């Protein structure tokens, strides 16, 4: 049994692949992504920056939608793009707003990490850090990356384009958790952020027990998430699989377990 907890719209392809491989799958998003209005001051424009960093595919999609609403669909080649992973980079390339002259810096598919640290290493290796940096994100997050950029003299403008709202699972989902508890069934959970771990655990506390949770298995996309699970160290060693936050890597982590 696999439980996929990424936001709506992110689970369907992976769910189909797992089902074809014989897995029973539940798609229970932990978080809803709510777009934010641009605000009275408007939005920062890429032409005014040397580098624009996108922390996720959602950040990319929401920001490009804001630009299109102003009739500014084409991306200026003078503004380099940074993306924390290849999925975010692909979302940007597939948007139709970039042409071949736009440079996107991002960790490759086979990179050991897809996160702020990996992107920072690439940016630092390019040479001098750009002076004017736009950081497109949710209402919080990626503070470490902003601090590294500022530490190298960059003027960083953080622009929030969405907020993540914990989903409160319905009565049917809670009843399923109770049935699994009684039956001794312990599914494998996909967890991809600290906020999603907290939201899932809040729902599990409503329908199951900490003891049941600790017997489950977990596929995580960053090692920092392990400590948020609340597992005994010995249990974490045997019940957690780490992988890159891309569908191919996640699929392999499930089926190889």
Foldseek 3Di string as FASTA:
>chain_A
DEEEADEPPPCVVLCVVVVVVPDDYHYHHFWYKFFDDQDPVGHDAQVVFQEEEEEDLVLLVLVLVSCVVVVNQAHDQNYAYEYLAVVSVVSNVVPPRYDPSHHYQYDYPPDQARHLVVRVVRQVVVDQHTAEYEYGEAPDDPVVNVVVSVVSNHDYDYGHTIYIGGDQDDPVVLVVLQVCQVVVNAEEYEDEDLSSLVSVVVNCVVRHDLVSLLPHAYEYADPVCLVSSVHDPVSSVPRYDYFHPDSVGSSCSVVVD
